[in-house]
Amino acid sequence: MQNSRGLNDRLLKSCVFAYEELLIEIISVPQGLSIVYDVRPDGLIITNVPEMYTIDEFYNFLNDCKAKMKMILEDRYFLKPNDQKLFSSIQTIDTITRDQDVNHNNAIDKSILDRAMKYVGKGEYTEEVDGVNVSIVVRKAPTLNLKVIPPGSPLMEVPPNTCKSDALEFIRKNIDWLRDRMEEVKSMQSIELLKPGRTTYDGYTVDVEFDARRRKSVSIQMLRDGVIEFKVAPGVSLETFNGLMAGYIDRLQKKLADTEAGISRDKQGKIYSNGMDFWLWGEKYILNAVEDNLRADAHDVKVNKDQKTIEIPVHTGHLLNQLAWYVTRWSEQCIAIRGRQYLDEWEKSLGIASVSLHVRMMKTKWSSCSEQQHRITVSPDLIHRDARCLEFLIARELMNLSETPNAASYDELLNQHIPEWRKILESLSRPFPPPDIGC
């Protein structure tokens, strides 16, 4: 039996098609009296259409509602970029050749697809906020990100499905910062930037390398051939380069002067030299540096108590620039080993357990304790004092960590284990070298 409906009275089938810059998906439902639609944030308009609706009836509905659909798309959402896979298997109603037979297997006509891309394909928009044109790009970002890119163009990155009103309000709140940043970036265009490659500075050859990972740090070191290696992130000005190199050359010249004078300095500026006096646990020794690649380790330091000498092994050719480093490292290890022994003994006496010991340089005190971290910190300079100074400080900090410290029991314990603790406390306030405390 032939269908009595005309050409334009064909029944709708479920499909996706473009209509006047709108991308619409038709879902045919068995029941219902009217069409229900929803505008999704990705630009696709979902329409639930009763199965008895004809094509003409649906187009009449679109003509009535298309203005409201476009307004929702433009005012509510920033649409994310188009996924090309979405169109690989799309079925369509050809809106240009409506008088011809409908072919649901045809791809979307290119002109219709281009118009649909206005919403779902670009992912980039321009909005004017308080007289400033801001480019808005939809990207997979966790939060809103407002920045200025050369030569001073404001750019805002927004996550998919971001409400337009929220994004514009964010720009308005930061408009003053944005204007200042735009002027700053524009002024930077006239600044001469550092270029990668080989250059010279103050008579030194410098190899400039760009490393994008070094956003907050700079690496400057002299190689064995006398060339200075300078690693920094791209975008550093020539003025910044000159300032960094001036500071490095100043430190380098001081180090060369120390080498000529036969001395070595640690990070705190303490001077070390071969044959110098070195106080170890309150006794004076002679510090001797020996070039020995096999023994160049802080564990291989030899202390001769009879001859009162300390033998420090260093790598060949690095006698001066490594001497301070080895002495400092060895001193910290000596403090850690002996301090751990005292800590274990006093933990048993006071009934405190699981206390860690940390050795760190301190400028204003000999020791400290942290109740939260259950840790005692001591200064490596205690290596020069009598060993009982270290024991006294560890005992005192452990008592501070106890829950209910008592002054009477505090003095009683110290008198029992360290009878001369008052002399020790007094000696710690005196300048170096340490005085005799009855050793």
Protein backbone atom coordinates (compact mmCIF):
# COMPACT_ATOMS: atom_id res chain seq x y z
CA MET A 1 0.00 0.00 0.00
CA GLN A 2 1.44 3.34 -1.07
CA ASN A 3 2.03 5.96 1.63
CA SER A 4 -0.43 8.81 1.28
CA ARG A 5 2.05 11.36 2.76
CA GLY A 6 3.71 13.83 0.39
CA LEU A 7 7.45 14.27 -0.17
CA ASN A 8 7.81 16.77 2.64
CA ASP A 9 5.70 14.63 4.97
CA ARG A 10 8.38 11.92 5.31
CA LEU A 11 8.76 10.57 8.82
CA LEU A 12 11.88 11.55 10.75
CA LYS A 13 14.60 9.05 11.57
CA SER A 14 17.26 9.34 14.23
CA CYS A 15 20.26 11.17 12.78
CA VAL A 16 22.68 14.09 13.21
CA PHE A 17 22.64 17.04 10.82
CA ALA A 18 23.67 20.69 10.45
CA TYR A 19 21.08 23.40 10.18
CA GLU A 20 22.00 27.11 9.91
CA GLU A 21 25.21 26.86 11.96
CA LEU A 22 23.60 24.51 14.45
CA LEU A 23 24.59 20.88 14.90
CA ILE A 24 21.49 18.90 15.84
CA GLU A 25 20.97 15.29 16.83
CA ILE A 26 17.49 13.85 16.34
CA ILE A 27 16.46 11.06 18.67
CA SER A 28 13.20 9.49 17.62
CA VAL A 29 11.09 8.51 20.62
CA PRO A 30 7.98 6.34 20.51
CA GLN A 31 5.85 8.54 22.73
CA GLY A 32 5.35 12.21 23.38
CA LEU A 33 3.27 15.13 22.12
CA SER A 34 6.00 17.77 21.63
CA ILE A 35 9.71 18.12 20.88
CA VAL A 36 12.10 18.50 23.82
CA TYR A 37 15.66 19.80 23.24
CA ASP A 38 18.81 20.35 25.28
CA VAL A 39 21.85 22.45 24.33
CA ARG A 40 25.00 20.62 25.39
CA PRO A 41 28.23 22.47 26.25
CA ASP A 42 30.04 20.83 23.31
CA GLY A 43 27.67 22.56 20.87
CA LEU A 44 25.49 19.57 20.03
CA ILE A 45 21.73 20.14 20.39
CA ILE A 46 19.87 17.00 21.44
CA THR A 47 16.24 16.83 20.33
CA ASN A 48 13.79 14.16 21.40
CA VAL A 49 11.22 14.02 18.59
CA PRO A 50 8.03 11.90 18.71
CA GLU A 51 8.23 9.27 15.98
CA MET A 52 5.11 10.52 14.16
CA TYR A 53 6.66 13.98 13.49
CA THR A 54 7.29 14.76 9.81
CA ILE A 55 10.28 16.62 8.39
CA ASP A 56 8.22 19.75 7.69
CA GLU A 57 6.87 19.78 11.23
CA PHE A 58 10.39 19.48 12.61
CA TYR A 59 11.72 22.30 10.41
CA ASN A 60 8.88 24.55 11.54
CA PHE A 61 9.93 23.83 15.12
CA LEU A 62 13.59 24.68 14.31
CA ASN A 63 12.63 27.97 12.67
CA ASP A 64 10.76 28.95 15.83
CA CYS A 65 13.52 27.90 18.24
CA LYS A 66 16.80 28.44 16.34
CA ALA A 67 17.27 31.99 17.67
CA LYS A 68 16.94 30.81 21.25
CA MET A 69 19.31 27.88 20.59
CA LYS A 70 21.98 30.20 19.19
CA MET A 71 21.58 32.59 22.09
CA ILE A 72 22.15 29.74 24.53
CA LEU A 73 25.28 28.67 22.68
CA GLU A 74 26.72 32.18 22.50
CA ASP A 75 25.86 33.39 25.99
CA ARG A 76 26.20 30.32 28.15
CA TYR A 77 29.17 28.28 27.00
CA PHE A 78 32.63 28.46 25.52
CA LEU A 79 32.49 25.45 23.23
CA LYS A 80 35.34 23.00 23.15
CA PRO A 81 37.16 22.26 19.84
CA ASN A 82 35.49 19.89 17.42
CA ASP A 83 36.31 16.21 17.54
CA GLN A 84 36.69 15.16 13.89
CA LYS A 85 35.75 11.58 14.77
CA LEU A 86 32.24 12.87 15.49
CA PHE A 87 31.69 13.51 11.77
CA SER A 88 33.23 10.32 10.43
CA SER A 89 29.96 8.37 10.63
CA ILE A 90 27.31 11.12 10.72
CA GLN A 91 24.01 10.74 8.95
CA THR A 92 22.30 13.88 7.70
CA ILE A 93 19.22 15.44 6.22
CA ASP A 94 20.54 17.56 3.36
CA THR A 95 19.06 20.99 4.06
CA ILE A 96 20.11 22.33 0.65
CA THR A 97 18.36 19.69 -1.49
CA ARG A 98 15.21 19.16 0.52
CA ASP A 99 13.16 18.61 -2.61
CA GLN A 100 15.19 15.54 -3.51
CA ASP A 101 15.05 12.13 -1.95
CA VAL A 102 16.47 11.93 1.51
CA ASN A 103 19.66 9.84 1.75
CA HIS A 104 20.67 9.17 5.35
CA ASN A 105 24.02 7.70 4.28
CA ASN A 106 25.40 10.93 2.75
CA ALA A 107 28.09 12.89 4.58
CA ILE A 108 27.38 16.46 5.67
CA ASP A 109 27.78 18.92 2.83
CA LYS A 110 31.04 20.93 3.19
CA SER A 111 29.31 24.32 3.20
CA ILE A 112 26.96 23.18 5.95
CA LEU A 113 29.85 21.68 7.91
CA ASP A 114 31.83 24.93 7.65
CA ARG A 115 28.91 26.88 9.06
CA ALA A 116 28.53 24.34 11.87
CA MET A 117 32.23 24.76 12.67
CA LYS A 118 31.46 28.31 13.80
CA TYR A 119 30.41 26.77 17.08
CA VAL A 120 31.92 23.33 17.43
CA GLY A 121 35.14 23.61 15.41
CA LYS A 122 37.05 26.74 16.45
CA GLY A 123 37.43 26.65 20.18
CA GLU A 124 38.78 30.22 20.10
CA TYR A 125 36.89 33.47 20.65
CA THR A 126 37.54 37.16 21.20
CA GLU A 127 35.68 39.13 23.83
CA GLU A 128 35.94 42.84 24.69
CA VAL A 129 36.07 43.48 28.42
CA ASP A 130 36.37 47.08 29.62
CA GLY A 131 37.98 48.13 26.35
CA VAL A 132 40.45 45.22 26.23
CA ASN A 133 40.12 42.55 23.54
CA VAL A 134 40.88 39.19 25.12
CA SER A 135 41.41 36.02 23.07
CA ILE A 136 39.71 33.06 24.74
CA VAL A 137 40.90 29.54 23.95
CA VAL A 138 39.24 26.36 25.18
CA ARG A 139 41.87 23.88 26.33
CA LYS A 140 42.18 20.97 28.71
CA ALA A 141 43.25 23.09 31.68
CA PRO A 142 42.28 22.55 35.34
CA THR A 143 41.48 26.22 36.03
CA LEU A 144 41.05 29.57 34.31
CA ASN A 145 44.41 30.95 33.19
CA LEU A 146 44.83 34.60 32.16
CA LYS A 147 48.14 35.67 30.64
CA VAL A 148 49.75 38.00 28.12
CA ILE A 149 51.78 36.68 25.18
CA PRO A 150 54.19 38.69 23.00
CA PRO A 151 53.81 41.26 21.58
CA GLY A 152 51.32 42.11 24.38
CA SER A 153 48.18 40.19 23.41
CA PRO A 154 45.95 39.04 26.29
CA LEU A 155 45.02 35.38 26.21
CA MET A 156 42.72 33.41 28.48
CA GLU A 157 42.65 29.61 28.63
CA VAL A 158 39.41 28.08 29.88
CA PRO A 159 38.50 24.45 30.56
CA PRO A 160 35.76 22.85 28.45
CA ASN A 161 32.19 23.48 29.61
CA THR A 162 33.16 26.76 31.33
CA CYS A 163 30.27 29.18 31.71
CA LYS A 164 30.87 32.32 29.69
CA SER A 165 29.64 34.62 32.44
CA ASP A 166 32.12 33.14 34.93
CA ALA A 167 35.03 33.62 32.53
CA LEU A 168 34.14 37.23 31.75
CA GLU A 169 33.74 38.00 35.46
CA PHE A 170 37.19 36.56 36.09
CA ILE A 171 38.65 38.88 33.45
CA ARG A 172 36.89 41.92 34.94
CA LYS A 173 38.29 41.19 38.40
CA ASN A 174 41.83 41.02 36.98
CA ILE A 175 41.54 43.77 34.37
CA ASP A 176 43.95 46.13 36.19
CA TRP A 177 46.60 43.43 36.43
CA LEU A 178 45.99 42.55 32.79
CA ARG A 179 46.57 46.14 31.59
CA ASP A 180 49.77 46.41 33.65
CA ARG A 181 51.02 43.09 32.33
CA MET A 182 50.28 44.13 28.73
CA GLU A 183 52.39 47.27 29.15
CA GLU A 184 55.16 45.22 30.76
CA VAL A 185 55.25 42.69 27.92
CA LYS A 186 55.19 45.43 25.29
CA SER A 187 58.11 47.20 26.97
CA MET A 188 60.03 43.94 27.05
CA GLN A 189 59.89 43.72 23.27
CA SER A 190 62.53 46.44 23.12
CA ILE A 191 64.81 44.52 25.53
CA GLU A 192 67.63 42.62 23.90
CA LEU A 193 67.30 38.91 24.68
CA LEU A 194 70.08 36.42 25.22
CA LYS A 195 70.77 34.11 22.28
CA PRO A 196 72.12 30.56 22.45
CA GLY A 197 75.62 29.84 21.22
CA ARG A 198 79.20 30.79 22.06
CA THR A 199 79.97 34.30 23.27
CA THR A 200 82.54 36.09 25.43
CA TYR A 201 82.32 37.93 28.73
CA ASP A 202 85.16 39.77 30.45
CA GLY A 203 87.73 37.74 28.54
CA TYR A 204 86.07 34.38 29.25
CA THR A 205 84.50 32.12 26.61
CA VAL A 206 80.88 31.29 27.47
CA ASP A 207 78.68 28.59 25.92
CA VAL A 208 75.01 29.60 26.31
CA GLU A 209 72.51 26.71 26.26
CA PHE A 210 68.73 27.01 26.58
CA ASP A 211 66.97 24.50 28.82
CA ALA A 212 63.19 24.92 29.15
CA ARG A 213 63.19 22.91 32.39
CA ARG A 214 65.25 25.59 34.18
CA ARG A 215 62.41 28.05 34.74
CA LYS A 216 63.60 29.14 38.17
CA SER A 217 67.28 28.24 38.15
CA VAL A 218 70.51 28.94 36.29
CA SER A 219 73.52 26.63 35.94
CA ILE A 220 76.95 28.24 35.56
CA GLN A 221 80.13 26.17 35.72
CA MET A 222 83.62 26.21 34.26
CA LEU A 223 84.55 23.18 32.19
CA ARG A 224 88.01 21.64 32.13
CA ASP A 225 88.91 23.36 28.85
CA GLY A 226 88.36 26.76 30.51
CA VAL A 227 85.01 27.41 28.83
CA ILE A 228 82.14 28.57 31.05
CA GLU A 229 78.88 26.64 30.54
CA PHE A 230 75.77 28.81 31.05
CA LYS A 231 72.39 26.99 31.10
CA VAL A 232 69.16 28.95 31.47
CA ALA A 233 65.55 28.95 30.27
CA PRO A 234 64.75 30.83 27.03
CA GLY A 235 63.62 34.45 27.27
CA VAL A 236 66.38 35.76 29.57
CA SER A 237 67.49 39.29 28.79
CA LEU A 238 71.08 40.19 27.97
CA GLU A 239 71.09 42.48 31.02
CA THR A 240 70.21 39.55 33.31
CA PHE A 241 72.93 37.45 31.70
CA ASN A 242 75.52 40.17 32.34
CA GLY A 243 74.45 40.44 35.99
CA LEU A 244 74.65 36.67 36.58
CA MET A 245 78.00 36.41 34.86
CA ALA A 246 79.40 39.34 36.86
CA GLY A 247 78.51 37.58 40.12
CA TYR A 248 79.98 34.28 38.90
CA ILE A 249 83.23 35.86 37.69
CA ASP A 250 83.58 37.66 41.03
CA ARG A 251 83.24 34.36 42.92
CA LEU A 252 85.58 32.65 40.46
CA GLN A 253 88.28 35.27 40.91
CA LYS A 254 88.01 35.00 44.70
CA LYS A 255 88.36 31.25 44.42
CA LEU A 256 91.44 31.62 42.19
CA ALA A 257 92.91 34.07 44.70
CA ASP A 258 92.33 31.54 47.49
CA THR A 259 94.02 28.87 45.38
CA GLU A 260 97.07 31.07 44.86
CA ALA A 261 97.16 31.75 48.62
CA GLY A 262 96.91 28.01 49.31
CA ILE A 263 93.58 28.11 51.17
CA SER A 264 90.13 26.57 50.71
CA ARG A 265 86.76 27.87 51.96
CA ASP A 266 83.54 26.12 52.88
CA LYS A 267 80.02 27.47 52.33
CA GLN A 268 80.20 29.51 55.53
CA GLY A 269 83.48 31.09 54.47
CA LYS A 270 85.69 29.17 56.92
CA ILE A 271 89.28 28.87 55.75
CA TYR A 272 91.10 25.53 55.48
CA SER A 273 94.67 24.89 54.37
CA ASN A 274 97.11 22.02 54.31
CA GLY A 275 99.08 21.88 57.57
CA MET A 276 96.68 24.09 59.55
CA ASP A 277 95.72 23.54 63.19
CA PHE A 278 92.43 21.67 63.61
CA TRP A 279 90.69 21.19 66.96
CA LEU A 280 89.16 17.73 67.30
CA TRP A 281 87.09 17.03 70.45
CA GLY A 282 88.97 19.74 72.35
CA GLU A 283 92.46 18.63 71.29
CA LYS A 284 94.70 20.30 68.70
CA TYR A 285 95.74 18.32 65.61
CA ILE A 286 97.57 19.10 62.37
CA LEU A 287 95.43 18.82 59.21
CA ASN A 288 97.27 17.07 56.36
CA ALA A 289 95.71 16.68 52.91
CA VAL A 290 96.91 13.71 50.80
CA GLU A 291 96.11 13.21 47.12
CA ASP A 292 94.76 9.66 46.84
CA ASN A 293 92.01 8.79 44.36
CA LEU A 294 91.42 5.34 45.90
CA ARG A 295 90.85 6.70 49.41
CA ALA A 296 89.16 10.00 48.49
CA ASP A 297 86.19 9.58 50.81
CA ALA A 298 85.20 11.01 54.15
CA HIS A 299 85.17 7.48 55.66
CA ASP A 300 88.90 7.04 54.93
CA VAL A 301 90.13 9.93 57.10
CA LYS A 302 92.92 8.76 59.42
CA VAL A 303 93.39 10.27 62.88
CA ASN A 304 96.78 9.65 64.53
CA LYS A 305 96.36 10.39 68.22
CA ASP A 306 100.06 9.83 68.96
CA GLN A 307 101.36 12.27 66.35
CA LYS A 308 98.27 14.48 66.63
CA THR A 309 97.65 14.51 62.87
CA ILE A 310 94.52 14.15 60.71
CA GLU A 311 95.06 12.78 57.21
CA ILE A 312 92.40 13.86 54.69
CA PRO A 313 92.48 12.02 51.32
CA VAL A 314 91.40 14.10 48.28
CA HIS A 315 91.33 13.50 44.55
CA THR A 316 94.46 14.22 42.57
CA GLY A 317 94.50 17.74 41.21
CA HIS A 318 91.78 18.94 43.60
CA LEU A 319 93.81 19.45 46.74
CA LEU A 320 92.54 22.93 47.57
CA ASN A 321 89.05 23.14 46.05
CA GLN A 322 87.99 19.85 47.74
CA LEU A 323 89.77 20.16 51.08
CA ALA A 324 87.05 22.28 52.73
CA TRP A 325 84.32 19.99 51.38
CA TYR A 326 85.98 16.82 52.70
CA VAL A 327 86.73 18.30 56.13
CA THR A 328 83.14 19.54 56.48
CA ARG A 329 81.65 16.22 55.43
CA TRP A 330 83.96 14.27 57.73
CA SER A 331 83.12 16.56 60.65
CA GLU A 332 79.39 16.01 60.15
CA GLN A 333 79.89 12.23 60.07
CA CYS A 334 81.93 12.31 63.29
CA ILE A 335 79.22 14.34 65.02
CA ALA A 336 76.49 11.99 63.73
CA ILE A 337 78.27 8.80 64.86
CA ARG A 338 79.23 9.97 68.34
CA GLY A 339 75.96 11.89 68.78
CA ARG A 340 73.97 8.73 68.01
CA GLN A 341 75.85 6.86 70.73
CA TYR A 342 75.07 9.53 73.31
CA LEU A 343 71.45 9.69 72.12
CA ASP A 344 70.94 5.94 72.58
CA GLU A 345 72.37 6.06 76.11
CA TRP A 346 70.25 9.02 77.20
CA GLU A 347 67.08 7.63 75.61
CA LYS A 348 67.34 4.65 77.95
CA SER A 349 67.95 6.90 80.96
CA LEU A 350 65.01 9.21 80.22
CA GLY A 351 62.63 6.64 78.77
CA ILE A 352 62.32 8.38 75.41
CA ALA A 353 62.53 6.48 72.13
CA SER A 354 62.54 7.09 68.37
CA VAL A 355 64.33 10.44 68.43
CA SER A 356 66.30 11.25 65.26
CA LEU A 357 69.56 13.20 65.13
CA HIS A 358 70.25 15.81 62.45
CA VAL A 359 73.54 17.68 61.88
CA ARG A 360 73.14 21.14 60.36
CA MET A 361 75.05 24.41 60.46
CA MET A 362 73.45 26.92 62.87
CA LYS A 363 74.62 30.49 63.30
CA THR A 364 73.17 31.49 66.69
CA LYS A 365 72.97 28.27 68.77
CA TRP A 366 74.59 24.92 69.30
CA SER A 367 71.52 22.71 69.25
CA SER A 368 67.73 22.66 68.98
CA CYS A 369 64.84 20.19 69.15
CA SER A 370 61.55 19.73 67.32
CA GLU A 371 58.69 18.23 69.30
CA GLN A 372 56.55 17.70 66.19
CA GLN A 373 59.25 15.89 64.22
CA HIS A 374 60.76 14.29 67.36
CA ARG A 375 64.19 15.35 66.20
CA ILE A 376 67.33 16.88 67.72
CA THR A 377 69.58 19.10 65.60
CA VAL A 378 73.21 19.86 66.52
CA SER A 379 75.86 22.06 64.93
CA PRO A 380 78.88 20.46 63.18
CA ASP A 381 81.08 23.07 64.91
CA LEU A 382 80.80 20.90 68.04
CA ILE A 383 83.58 18.78 66.49
CA HIS A 384 86.04 21.37 67.87
CA ARG A 385 84.71 21.24 71.44
CA ASP A 386 85.15 18.58 74.08
CA ALA A 387 82.97 15.51 73.35
CA ARG A 388 81.12 16.05 76.63
CA CYS A 389 79.74 19.30 75.18
CA LEU A 390 77.92 17.22 72.56
CA GLU A 391 76.66 14.79 75.20
CA PHE A 392 75.41 17.61 77.43
CA LEU A 393 73.51 19.29 74.56
CA ILE A 394 71.88 16.02 73.48
CA ALA A 395 70.85 15.27 77.09
CA ARG A 396 69.41 18.76 77.49
CA GLU A 397 67.39 18.57 74.25
CA LEU A 398 66.05 15.14 75.19
CA MET A 399 64.84 16.56 78.49
CA ASN A 400 63.11 19.35 76.59
CA LEU A 401 61.32 16.69 74.53
CA SER A 402 60.06 14.88 77.64
CA GLU A 403 56.41 15.47 78.49
CA THR A 404 56.85 16.90 82.02
CA PRO A 405 60.38 18.22 82.51
CA ASN A 406 61.26 18.81 86.14
CA ALA A 407 64.07 21.19 87.14
CA ALA A 408 65.10 19.11 90.19
CA SER A 409 65.30 15.81 88.32
CA TYR A 410 66.94 17.67 85.43
CA ASP A 411 69.86 18.81 87.61
CA GLU A 412 70.03 15.46 89.38
CA LEU A 413 70.42 13.50 86.17
CA LEU A 414 73.05 15.87 84.82
CA ASN A 415 74.98 15.77 88.10
CA GLN A 416 74.90 11.99 88.00
CA HIS A 417 76.05 11.51 84.41
CA ILE A 418 77.94 14.77 83.65
CA PRO A 419 79.19 16.23 86.98
CA GLU A 420 80.99 19.13 85.23
CA TRP A 421 77.97 20.14 83.12
CA ARG A 422 77.95 23.71 84.52
CA LYS A 423 81.54 24.21 83.34
CA ILE A 424 80.58 22.79 79.96
CA LEU A 425 77.64 25.19 79.69
CA GLU A 426 79.90 28.10 80.58
CA SER A 427 82.58 27.01 78.08
CA LEU A 428 80.06 26.94 75.24
CA SER A 429 79.53 30.66 75.65
CA ARG A 430 83.25 31.38 75.27
CA PRO A 431 84.97 31.97 71.92
CA PHE A 432 86.93 29.32 70.02
CA PRO A 433 89.33 27.59 70.74
CA PRO A 434 87.70 25.95 73.74
CA PRO A 435 89.24 26.50 77.17
CA ASP A 436 90.36 23.69 79.45
CA ILE A 437 87.37 22.28 81.38
CA GLY A 438 89.25 19.65 83.29
CA CYS A 439 89.83 17.10 80.54
